[in-house]
């Protein structure tokens, strides 16, 4: 009797494991939460601090949000638009620069569709001073 109970318990555990690994996921379960960044970085540059947030929205759609807070003595940098470049990690080809939308002073946003799924890096900054963040896009 104990052997049968033990066998049923093992059978239930193995069945649950197999079910969770082979069942088809509901697409609603795989949609990213659009209010939480997928990846983010904050970097102190010579003229101030730059904050970059990447939101992976699914279907290779990405939203990039940038905020630059200049130092008090860096008046020139406050009006400058940052340079942005998206590149695939495994590919050895040039990246691309999405158009940025000015949201308010020191805040920019870009909405884009990546050409392919995979591991990406976005580089944001001014000249040689840059912040980089990596993320996966599906």
N, C-alpha and C. Protein backbone atom coordinates (compact mmCIF):
# COMPACT_ATOMS: atom_id res chain seq x y z
N UNK A 1 0.81 -1.19 0.00
CA UNK A 1 0.00 0.00 0.00
C UNK A 1 0.87 1.27 0.00
N UNK A 2 1.93 1.26 0.81
CA UNK A 2 2.85 2.38 0.86
C UNK A 2 3.55 2.57 -0.48
N UNK A 3 3.89 1.46 -1.12
CA UNK A 3 4.57 1.53 -2.42
C UNK A 3 3.66 2.16 -3.47
N UNK A 4 2.37 1.86 -3.43
CA UNK A 4 1.41 2.42 -4.39
C UNK A 4 1.29 3.93 -4.16
N UNK A 5 1.18 4.36 -2.92
CA UNK A 5 1.07 5.79 -2.60
C UNK A 5 2.33 6.53 -3.03
N UNK A 6 3.48 5.94 -2.78
CA UNK A 6 4.74 6.54 -3.18
C UNK A 6 4.84 6.63 -4.70
N UNK A 7 4.43 5.57 -5.39
CA UNK A 7 4.46 5.56 -6.86
C UNK A 7 3.52 6.62 -7.42
N UNK A 8 2.33 6.77 -6.85
CA UNK A 8 1.39 7.80 -7.31
C UNK A 8 1.96 9.21 -7.08
N UNK A 9 2.63 9.41 -5.97
CA UNK A 9 3.25 10.72 -5.70
C UNK A 9 4.34 11.05 -6.69
N UNK A 10 5.19 10.07 -6.99
CA UNK A 10 6.25 10.27 -7.98
C UNK A 10 5.65 10.50 -9.35
N UNK A 11 4.62 9.73 -9.69
CA UNK A 11 3.95 9.89 -10.99
C UNK A 11 3.35 11.29 -11.12
N UNK A 12 2.73 11.80 -10.06
CA UNK A 12 2.14 13.14 -10.08
C UNK A 12 3.22 14.20 -10.25
N UNK A 13 4.34 14.05 -9.55
CA UNK A 13 5.44 15.01 -9.65
C UNK A 13 6.04 15.03 -11.05
N UNK A 14 6.28 13.84 -11.61
CA UNK A 14 6.83 13.76 -12.96
C UNK A 14 5.83 14.31 -13.97
N UNK A 15 4.56 14.00 -13.81
CA UNK A 15 3.53 14.51 -14.71
C UNK A 15 3.46 16.03 -14.68
N UNK A 16 3.53 16.62 -13.49
CA UNK A 16 3.50 18.08 -13.37
C UNK A 16 4.72 18.70 -14.04
N UNK A 17 5.89 18.09 -13.86
CA UNK A 17 7.10 18.60 -14.49
C UNK A 17 6.99 18.54 -16.02
N UNK A 18 6.54 17.43 -16.55
CA UNK A 18 6.40 17.29 -18.00
C UNK A 18 5.37 18.27 -18.53
N UNK A 19 4.25 18.42 -17.83
CA UNK A 19 3.20 19.35 -18.27
C UNK A 19 3.73 20.78 -18.37
N UNK A 20 4.50 21.23 -17.39
CA UNK A 20 4.98 22.61 -17.42
C UNK A 20 6.03 22.83 -18.49
N UNK A 21 6.75 21.80 -18.89
CA UNK A 21 7.80 22.00 -19.90
C UNK A 21 7.28 21.87 -21.32
N UNK A 22 6.20 21.15 -21.54
CA UNK A 22 5.74 20.95 -22.92
C UNK A 22 4.48 21.71 -23.27
N UNK A 23 3.81 22.30 -22.30
CA UNK A 23 2.56 23.00 -22.63
C UNK A 23 2.88 24.26 -23.44
N UNK A 24 1.95 24.68 -24.25
CA UNK A 24 2.10 25.89 -25.05
C UNK A 24 1.77 27.09 -24.18
N UNK A 25 2.64 28.08 -24.20
CA UNK A 25 2.40 29.28 -23.41
C UNK A 25 1.32 30.14 -24.05
N UNK A 26 0.50 30.72 -23.23
CA UNK A 26 -0.48 31.69 -23.69
C UNK A 26 0.27 32.97 -24.04
N UNK A 27 0.07 33.55 -25.23
CA UNK A 27 0.79 34.77 -25.60
C UNK A 27 0.63 35.89 -24.59
N UNK A 28 -0.48 35.95 -23.88
CA UNK A 28 -0.67 36.99 -22.88
C UNK A 28 0.30 36.84 -21.72
N UNK A 29 0.81 35.60 -21.49
CA UNK A 29 1.78 35.38 -20.42
C UNK A 29 3.17 35.86 -20.79
N UNK A 30 3.45 36.05 -22.07
CA UNK A 30 4.78 36.42 -22.51
C UNK A 30 4.92 37.89 -22.88
N UNK A 31 3.85 38.68 -22.77
CA UNK A 31 3.90 40.10 -23.09
C UNK A 31 4.61 40.82 -21.96
N UNK A 32 5.55 41.67 -22.33
CA UNK A 32 6.33 42.39 -21.33
C UNK A 32 5.47 43.44 -20.62
N UNK A 33 5.80 43.69 -19.37
CA UNK A 33 5.15 44.75 -18.61
C UNK A 33 5.73 46.07 -19.11
N UNK A 34 4.88 46.89 -19.73
CA UNK A 34 5.36 48.11 -20.37
C UNK A 34 5.69 49.21 -19.38
N UNK A 35 5.39 49.02 -18.10
CA UNK A 35 5.70 50.05 -17.12
C UNK A 35 7.02 49.79 -16.40
N UNK A 36 7.62 48.63 -16.63
CA UNK A 36 8.88 48.27 -15.99
C UNK A 36 9.96 48.12 -17.06
N UNK A 37 11.09 48.84 -16.92
CA UNK A 37 12.13 48.72 -17.94
C UNK A 37 12.74 47.31 -17.97
N UNK A 38 13.03 46.85 -19.18
CA UNK A 38 13.70 45.57 -19.36
C UNK A 38 15.16 45.69 -18.97
N UNK A 39 15.76 46.82 -19.29
CA UNK A 39 17.17 47.07 -18.96
C UNK A 39 17.33 48.57 -18.73
N UNK A 40 18.26 48.92 -17.86
CA UNK A 40 18.50 50.34 -17.60
C UNK A 40 19.93 50.54 -17.10
N UNK A 41 20.40 51.76 -17.29
CA UNK A 41 21.73 52.13 -16.82
C UNK A 41 21.71 53.61 -16.47
N UNK A 42 22.50 53.96 -15.49
CA UNK A 42 22.70 55.35 -15.10
C UNK A 42 24.20 55.56 -15.06
N UNK A 43 24.67 56.55 -15.79
CA UNK A 43 26.12 56.76 -15.93
C UNK A 43 26.44 58.23 -15.67
N UNK A 44 27.48 58.47 -14.89
CA UNK A 44 27.95 59.84 -14.66
C UNK A 44 28.95 60.16 -15.75
N UNK A 45 28.63 61.19 -16.53
CA UNK A 45 29.50 61.67 -17.61
C UNK A 45 30.19 62.95 -17.13
N UNK A 46 31.19 63.44 -17.85
CA UNK A 46 31.88 64.66 -17.41
C UNK A 46 30.96 65.88 -17.24
N UNK A 47 29.88 65.97 -18.02
CA UNK A 47 29.00 67.13 -17.93
C UNK A 47 27.71 66.89 -17.16
N UNK A 48 27.50 65.68 -16.65
CA UNK A 48 26.26 65.39 -15.91
C UNK A 48 25.98 63.90 -15.86
N UNK A 49 24.74 63.57 -15.52
CA UNK A 49 24.34 62.16 -15.41
C UNK A 49 23.31 61.83 -16.49
N UNK A 50 23.49 60.66 -17.13
CA UNK A 50 22.55 60.21 -18.14
C UNK A 50 21.90 58.91 -17.65
N UNK A 51 20.59 58.86 -17.75
CA UNK A 51 19.81 57.68 -17.37
C UNK A 51 19.15 57.15 -18.63
N UNK A 52 19.32 55.84 -18.87
CA UNK A 52 18.78 55.20 -20.07
C UNK A 52 17.93 54.02 -19.62
N UNK A 53 16.71 53.95 -20.17
CA UNK A 53 15.81 52.84 -19.89
C UNK A 53 15.32 52.25 -21.20
N UNK A 54 15.38 50.92 -21.29
CA UNK A 54 14.94 50.19 -22.48
C UNK A 54 13.74 49.35 -22.09
N UNK A 55 12.64 49.50 -22.84
CA UNK A 55 11.43 48.72 -22.63
C UNK A 55 11.23 47.82 -23.84
N UNK A 56 11.35 46.51 -23.67
CA UNK A 56 11.09 45.57 -24.76
C UNK A 56 9.61 45.24 -24.69
N UNK A 57 8.88 45.60 -25.76
CA UNK A 57 7.43 45.51 -25.76
C UNK A 57 6.91 44.25 -26.44
N UNK A 58 7.79 43.45 -27.03
CA UNK A 58 7.38 42.25 -27.75
C UNK A 58 7.34 42.50 -29.25
N UNK A 59 7.44 41.44 -30.03
CA UNK A 59 7.43 41.52 -31.49
C UNK A 59 8.51 42.47 -32.01
N UNK A 60 9.67 42.51 -31.32
CA UNK A 60 10.84 43.32 -31.66
C UNK A 60 10.59 44.83 -31.51
N UNK A 61 9.47 45.22 -30.89
CA UNK A 61 9.21 46.64 -30.62
C UNK A 61 9.92 47.04 -29.34
N UNK A 62 10.54 48.22 -29.37
CA UNK A 62 11.33 48.71 -28.24
C UNK A 62 11.02 50.19 -28.03
N UNK A 63 10.95 50.58 -26.76
CA UNK A 63 10.84 52.01 -26.42
C UNK A 63 12.09 52.36 -25.61
N UNK A 64 12.75 53.42 -26.01
CA UNK A 64 13.96 53.91 -25.34
C UNK A 64 13.63 55.24 -24.69
N UNK A 65 13.98 55.39 -23.41
CA UNK A 65 13.78 56.65 -22.72
C UNK A 65 15.12 57.11 -22.17
N UNK A 66 15.43 58.38 -22.40
CA UNK A 66 16.72 58.96 -22.01
C UNK A 66 16.45 60.22 -21.20
N UNK A 67 17.17 60.36 -20.09
CA UNK A 67 17.11 61.60 -19.33
C UNK A 67 18.53 62.03 -19.02
N UNK A 68 18.84 63.28 -19.34
CA UNK A 68 20.16 63.83 -19.07
C UNK A 68 20.01 64.97 -18.07
N UNK A 69 20.73 64.87 -16.95
CA UNK A 69 20.74 65.90 -15.92
C UNK A 69 22.13 66.52 -15.92
N UNK A 70 22.25 67.73 -16.49
CA UNK A 70 23.59 68.34 -16.58
C UNK A 70 24.06 68.86 -15.22
N UNK A 71 25.38 68.93 -15.08
CA UNK A 71 25.96 69.58 -13.91
C UNK A 71 25.61 71.06 -13.98
N UNK A 72 25.67 71.73 -12.85
CA UNK A 72 25.31 73.15 -12.80
C UNK A 72 26.18 74.01 -13.71
N UNK A 73 27.45 73.65 -13.90
CA UNK A 73 28.35 74.45 -14.72
C UNK A 73 28.40 73.99 -16.18
N UNK A 74 27.60 73.02 -16.56
CA UNK A 74 27.61 72.48 -17.93
C UNK A 74 26.38 72.95 -18.70
N UNK A 75 26.26 74.23 -18.90
CA UNK A 75 25.10 74.83 -19.56
C UNK A 75 24.97 74.35 -21.01
N UNK A 76 26.08 74.22 -21.72
CA UNK A 76 26.05 73.82 -23.13
C UNK A 76 25.45 72.44 -23.33
N UNK A 77 25.75 71.51 -22.47
CA UNK A 77 25.29 70.13 -22.62
C UNK A 77 23.79 69.98 -22.40
N UNK A 78 23.17 70.90 -21.68
CA UNK A 78 21.75 70.78 -21.38
C UNK A 78 20.90 70.83 -22.65
N UNK A 79 21.33 71.56 -23.66
CA UNK A 79 20.55 71.70 -24.89
C UNK A 79 20.95 70.68 -25.96
N UNK A 80 22.02 69.94 -25.75
CA UNK A 80 22.50 69.00 -26.77
C UNK A 80 21.65 67.74 -26.80
N UNK A 81 21.42 67.23 -28.01
CA UNK A 81 20.71 65.96 -28.19
C UNK A 81 21.74 64.84 -28.12
N UNK A 82 21.45 63.77 -27.36
CA UNK A 82 22.44 62.69 -27.24
C UNK A 82 22.54 61.87 -28.53
N UNK A 83 23.69 61.27 -28.72
CA UNK A 83 23.89 60.32 -29.82
C UNK A 83 23.40 58.96 -29.34
N UNK A 84 22.66 58.25 -30.20
CA UNK A 84 22.12 56.93 -29.84
C UNK A 84 22.48 55.95 -30.95
N UNK A 85 22.90 54.75 -30.55
CA UNK A 85 23.20 53.71 -31.53
C UNK A 85 22.79 52.35 -30.99
N UNK A 86 21.98 51.64 -31.79
CA UNK A 86 21.59 50.26 -31.47
C UNK A 86 22.42 49.34 -32.34
N UNK A 87 22.97 48.28 -31.75
CA UNK A 87 23.75 47.29 -32.50
C UNK A 87 23.51 45.91 -31.91
N UNK A 88 23.55 44.89 -32.79
CA UNK A 88 23.45 43.51 -32.31
C UNK A 88 24.77 43.07 -31.73
N UNK A 89 24.72 42.32 -30.65
CA UNK A 89 25.93 41.88 -29.97
C UNK A 89 26.75 40.90 -30.82
N UNK A 90 26.11 39.96 -31.46
CA UNK A 90 26.81 38.90 -32.19
C UNK A 90 27.14 39.25 -33.64
N UNK A 91 26.53 40.27 -34.16
CA UNK A 91 26.75 40.64 -35.56
C UNK A 91 27.85 41.70 -35.64
N UNK A 92 28.65 41.58 -36.65
CA UNK A 92 29.72 42.56 -36.86
C UNK A 92 29.33 43.47 -38.01
N UNK A 93 28.33 44.29 -37.75
CA UNK A 93 27.87 45.25 -38.75
C UNK A 93 27.50 46.54 -38.02
N UNK A 94 27.37 47.58 -38.81
CA UNK A 94 27.02 48.87 -38.23
C UNK A 94 25.63 48.81 -37.61
N UNK A 95 25.46 49.56 -36.55
CA UNK A 95 24.16 49.66 -35.92
C UNK A 95 23.33 50.73 -36.61
N UNK A 96 22.28 51.16 -35.94
CA UNK A 96 21.47 52.22 -36.51
C UNK A 96 21.06 53.20 -35.42
N UNK A 97 20.76 54.42 -35.85
CA UNK A 97 20.41 55.51 -34.94
C UNK A 97 18.92 55.83 -35.12
N UNK A 98 18.10 55.56 -34.11
CA UNK A 98 16.68 55.87 -34.23
C UNK A 98 16.43 57.36 -34.05
N UNK A 99 15.38 57.88 -34.64
CA UNK A 99 15.04 59.29 -34.40
C UNK A 99 14.55 59.47 -32.96
N UNK A 100 15.01 60.52 -32.33
CA UNK A 100 14.61 60.81 -30.95
C UNK A 100 13.55 61.89 -30.94
N UNK A 101 12.59 61.71 -30.04
CA UNK A 101 11.54 62.70 -29.84
C UNK A 101 11.85 63.42 -28.53
N UNK A 102 11.90 64.76 -28.58
CA UNK A 102 12.13 65.54 -27.37
C UNK A 102 10.83 65.58 -26.58
N UNK A 103 10.84 65.05 -25.37
CA UNK A 103 9.65 65.01 -24.52
C UNK A 103 9.56 66.28 -23.69
N UNK A 104 10.68 66.66 -23.11
CA UNK A 104 10.83 67.91 -22.36
C UNK A 104 12.32 68.18 -22.26
N UNK A 105 12.71 69.29 -21.66
CA UNK A 105 14.12 69.63 -21.58
C UNK A 105 14.89 68.50 -20.91
N UNK A 106 15.88 67.95 -21.63
CA UNK A 106 16.73 66.89 -21.10
C UNK A 106 16.13 65.49 -21.13
N UNK A 107 14.95 65.33 -21.73
CA UNK A 107 14.29 64.02 -21.79
C UNK A 107 13.91 63.71 -23.23
N UNK A 108 14.33 62.52 -23.71
CA UNK A 108 14.04 62.10 -25.08
C UNK A 108 13.44 60.70 -25.05
N UNK A 109 12.73 60.36 -26.13
CA UNK A 109 12.13 59.04 -26.27
C UNK A 109 12.25 58.61 -27.73
N UNK A 110 12.40 57.31 -27.91
CA UNK A 110 12.39 56.73 -29.26
C UNK A 110 11.57 55.45 -29.22
N UNK A 111 10.70 55.28 -30.20
CA UNK A 111 9.95 54.03 -30.38
C UNK A 111 10.43 53.43 -31.69
N UNK A 112 10.83 52.16 -31.66
CA UNK A 112 11.37 51.55 -32.86
C UNK A 112 11.07 50.07 -32.90
N UNK A 113 11.22 49.50 -34.08
CA UNK A 113 11.11 48.06 -34.30
C UNK A 113 12.48 47.57 -34.75
N UNK A 114 13.05 46.66 -33.99
CA UNK A 114 14.37 46.12 -34.34
C UNK A 114 14.25 45.20 -35.54
N UNK A 115 15.27 45.15 -36.40
CA UNK A 115 15.18 44.32 -37.61
C UNK A 115 15.19 42.82 -37.33
N UNK A 116 15.73 42.40 -36.18
CA UNK A 116 15.73 40.97 -35.86
C UNK A 116 15.81 40.77 -34.36
N UNK A 117 15.34 39.60 -33.92
CA UNK A 117 15.39 39.25 -32.50
C UNK A 117 16.82 38.86 -32.13
N UNK A 118 17.16 39.00 -30.86
CA UNK A 118 18.48 38.61 -30.39
C UNK A 118 18.97 39.54 -29.30
N UNK A 119 20.26 39.45 -29.02
CA UNK A 119 20.90 40.26 -27.98
C UNK A 119 21.37 41.58 -28.60
N UNK A 120 20.95 42.69 -28.03
CA UNK A 120 21.26 44.02 -28.54
C UNK A 120 21.97 44.84 -27.47
N UNK A 121 22.68 45.87 -27.92
CA UNK A 121 23.28 46.85 -27.03
C UNK A 121 22.91 48.23 -27.58
N UNK A 122 22.52 49.13 -26.68
CA UNK A 122 22.26 50.50 -27.07
C UNK A 122 23.29 51.37 -26.36
N UNK A 123 23.88 52.26 -27.13
CA UNK A 123 24.90 53.18 -26.64
C UNK A 123 24.34 54.60 -26.74
N UNK A 124 24.38 55.33 -25.63
CA UNK A 124 23.80 56.68 -25.57
C UNK A 124 24.81 57.60 -24.91
N UNK A 125 24.99 58.78 -25.50
CA UNK A 125 25.89 59.74 -24.87
C UNK A 125 26.22 60.90 -25.77
N UNK A 126 27.31 61.56 -25.42
CA UNK A 126 27.77 62.76 -26.14
C UNK A 126 29.22 62.54 -26.52
N UNK A 127 29.51 62.48 -27.81
CA UNK A 127 30.88 62.26 -28.27
C UNK A 127 31.41 60.93 -27.79
N UNK A 128 32.56 60.94 -27.12
CA UNK A 128 33.18 59.72 -26.62
C UNK A 128 32.61 59.27 -25.27
N UNK A 129 31.89 60.14 -24.60
CA UNK A 129 31.32 59.83 -23.28
C UNK A 129 29.95 59.19 -23.47
N UNK A 130 29.86 57.88 -23.14
CA UNK A 130 28.65 57.14 -23.44
C UNK A 130 28.28 56.18 -22.32
N UNK A 131 27.00 55.84 -22.28
CA UNK A 131 26.50 54.78 -21.41
C UNK A 131 25.98 53.68 -22.31
N UNK A 132 26.22 52.43 -21.93
CA UNK A 132 25.76 51.29 -22.74
C UNK A 132 24.94 50.35 -21.88
N UNK A 133 23.91 49.78 -22.50
CA UNK A 133 23.09 48.79 -21.81
C UNK A 133 22.70 47.70 -22.80
N UNK A 134 22.78 46.45 -22.35
CA UNK A 134 22.44 45.30 -23.18
C UNK A 134 21.05 44.79 -22.82
N UNK A 135 20.37 44.19 -23.82
CA UNK A 135 19.04 43.63 -23.59
C UNK A 135 18.74 42.60 -24.67
N UNK A 136 17.79 41.73 -24.37
CA UNK A 136 17.30 40.74 -25.32
C UNK A 136 15.99 41.21 -25.92
N UNK A 137 15.86 41.09 -27.23
CA UNK A 137 14.62 41.45 -27.93
C UNK A 137 14.06 40.21 -28.59
N UNK A 138 12.77 39.98 -28.39
CA UNK A 138 12.11 38.84 -29.04
C UNK A 138 11.26 39.38 -30.17
